[in-house]
């Protein structure tokens, strides 16, 4: 459930999303969330894909596609 909570927060909170790109451990700790190293690596890969030229965030469907191939 925590991974889903983090993905949701990334999609609705641009400040949290920015902090997850630069200081993921701190961003999670400040919100009382904890992810495994594998989950953090997964999200990091997804966040790196966000640059699309229009500045949009990674969509939930993009994360779902990555998640389907994870593990």
C-alpha atoms as a PDB file:
ATOM      1  CA  UNK A   1       0.000   0.000   0.000  1.00  0.00           C
ATOM      2  CA  UNK A   2       2.821   2.443   0.713  1.00  0.00           C
ATOM      3  CA  UNK A   3       4.105   2.366  -2.873  1.00  0.00           C
ATOM      4  CA  UNK A   4       0.614   3.250  -4.096  1.00  0.00           C
ATOM      5  CA  UNK A   5       0.441   6.113  -1.579  1.00  0.00           C
ATOM      6  CA  UNK A   6       3.765   7.497  -2.767  1.00  0.00           C
ATOM      7  CA  UNK A   7       2.786   7.253  -6.443  1.00  0.00           C
ATOM      8  CA  UNK A   8      -0.477   9.040  -5.660  1.00  0.00           C
ATOM      9  CA  UNK A   9       1.345  11.814  -3.774  1.00  0.00           C
ATOM     10  CA  UNK A  10       3.771  12.236  -6.680  1.00  0.00           C
ATOM     11  CA  UNK A  11       0.844  12.630  -9.060  1.00  0.00           C
ATOM     12  CA  UNK A  12      -0.978  15.277  -6.993  1.00  0.00           C
ATOM     13  CA  UNK A  13       1.806  17.149  -5.176  1.00  0.00           C
ATOM     14  CA  UNK A  14       4.430  18.771  -7.401  1.00  0.00           C
ATOM     15  CA  UNK A  15       6.579  19.805  -4.415  1.00  0.00           C
ATOM     16  CA  UNK A  16       6.685  16.218  -3.179  1.00  0.00           C
ATOM     17  CA  UNK A  17       7.447  14.985  -6.703  1.00  0.00           C
ATOM     18  CA  UNK A  18      10.345  17.445  -6.992  1.00  0.00           C
ATOM     19  CA  UNK A  19      11.706  16.410  -3.607  1.00  0.00           C
ATOM     20  CA  UNK A  20      11.410  12.733  -4.561  1.00  0.00           C
ATOM     21  CA  UNK A  21      13.680  13.457  -7.544  1.00  0.00           C
ATOM     22  CA  UNK A  22      16.345  15.196  -5.448  1.00  0.00           C
ATOM     23  CA  UNK A  23      16.029  13.844  -1.878  1.00  0.00           C
ATOM     24  CA  UNK A  24      13.808  10.771  -1.903  1.00  0.00           C
ATOM     25  CA  UNK A  25      14.758   9.475   1.539  1.00  0.00           C
ATOM     26  CA  UNK A  26      14.045  12.853   3.137  1.00  0.00           C
ATOM     27  CA  UNK A  27      10.779  13.299   1.224  1.00  0.00           C
ATOM     28  CA  UNK A  28       9.551   9.926   2.442  1.00  0.00           C
ATOM     29  CA  UNK A  29      10.744  10.400   6.020  1.00  0.00           C
ATOM     30  CA  UNK A  30       9.026  13.789   6.313  1.00  0.00           C
ATOM     31  CA  UNK A  31       5.735  12.081   5.485  1.00  0.00           C
ATOM     32  CA  UNK A  32       6.325   9.000   7.613  1.00  0.00           C
ATOM     33  CA  UNK A  33       6.598   6.730   4.577  1.00  0.00           C
ATOM     34  CA  UNK A  34       9.130   4.004   3.926  1.00  0.00           C
ATOM     35  CA  UNK A  35       9.945   2.186   0.712  1.00  0.00           C
ATOM     36  CA  UNK A  36      12.330  -0.646   0.014  1.00  0.00           C
ATOM     37  CA  UNK A  37      15.440   0.128  -2.045  1.00  0.00           C
ATOM     38  CA  UNK A  38      13.813  -1.714  -4.957  1.00  0.00           C
ATOM     39  CA  UNK A  39      10.675   0.428  -4.747  1.00  0.00           C
ATOM     40  CA  UNK A  40      12.776   3.599  -4.549  1.00  0.00           C
ATOM     41  CA  UNK A  41      14.776   2.521  -7.617  1.00  0.00           C
ATOM     42  CA  UNK A  42      11.548   1.786  -9.471  1.00  0.00           C
ATOM     43  CA  UNK A  43      10.146   5.244  -8.725  1.00  0.00           C
ATOM     44  CA  UNK A  44      13.436   6.887  -9.595  1.00  0.00           C
ATOM     45  CA  UNK A  45      13.334   5.309 -13.056  1.00  0.00           C
ATOM     46  CA  UNK A  46       9.772   6.522 -13.525  1.00  0.00           C
ATOM     47  CA  UNK A  47      10.546  10.053 -12.378  1.00  0.00           C
ATOM     48  CA  UNK A  48      13.487  10.260 -14.783  1.00  0.00           C
ATOM     49  CA  UNK A  49      11.053   9.592 -17.642  1.00  0.00           C
ATOM     50  CA  UNK A  50       8.940  12.599 -16.776  1.00  0.00           C
ATOM     51  CA  UNK A  51      10.738  15.093 -19.006  1.00  0.00           C
ATOM     52  CA  UNK A  52       8.469  15.265 -22.028  1.00  0.00           C
ATOM     53  CA  UNK A  53       9.042  18.765 -23.276  1.00  0.00           C
ATOM     54  CA  UNK A  54       5.719  20.025 -21.923  1.00  0.00           C
ATOM     55  CA  UNK A  55       6.795  19.737 -18.273  1.00  0.00           C
ATOM     56  CA  UNK A  56       4.060  17.263 -17.406  1.00  0.00           C
ATOM     57  CA  UNK A  57       4.419  14.782 -14.587  1.00  0.00           C
ATOM     58  CA  UNK A  58       4.672  11.056 -15.102  1.00  0.00           C
ATOM     59  CA  UNK A  59       1.147   9.780 -15.543  1.00  0.00           C
ATOM     60  CA  UNK A  60      -0.317   7.033 -13.416  1.00  0.00           C
ATOM     61  CA  UNK A  61      -0.551   4.877 -16.554  1.00  0.00           C
ATOM     62  CA  UNK A  62       3.210   5.306 -17.136  1.00  0.00           C
ATOM     63  CA  UNK A  63       3.867   4.162 -13.571  1.00  0.00           C
ATOM     64  CA  UNK A  64       1.490   1.216 -14.045  1.00  0.00           C
ATOM     65  CA  UNK A  65       3.379   0.114 -17.170  1.00  0.00           C
ATOM     66  CA  UNK A  66       6.687   0.312 -15.303  1.00  0.00           C
ATOM     67  CA  UNK A  67       5.178  -1.539 -12.344  1.00  0.00           C
ATOM     68  CA  UNK A  68       3.928  -4.345 -14.593  1.00  0.00           C
ATOM     69  CA  UNK A  69       7.516  -4.966 -15.743  1.00  0.00           C
ATOM     70  CA  UNK A  70       9.070  -4.595 -12.286  1.00  0.00           C
ATOM     71  CA  UNK A  71      10.246  -7.565 -10.308  1.00  0.00           C
END
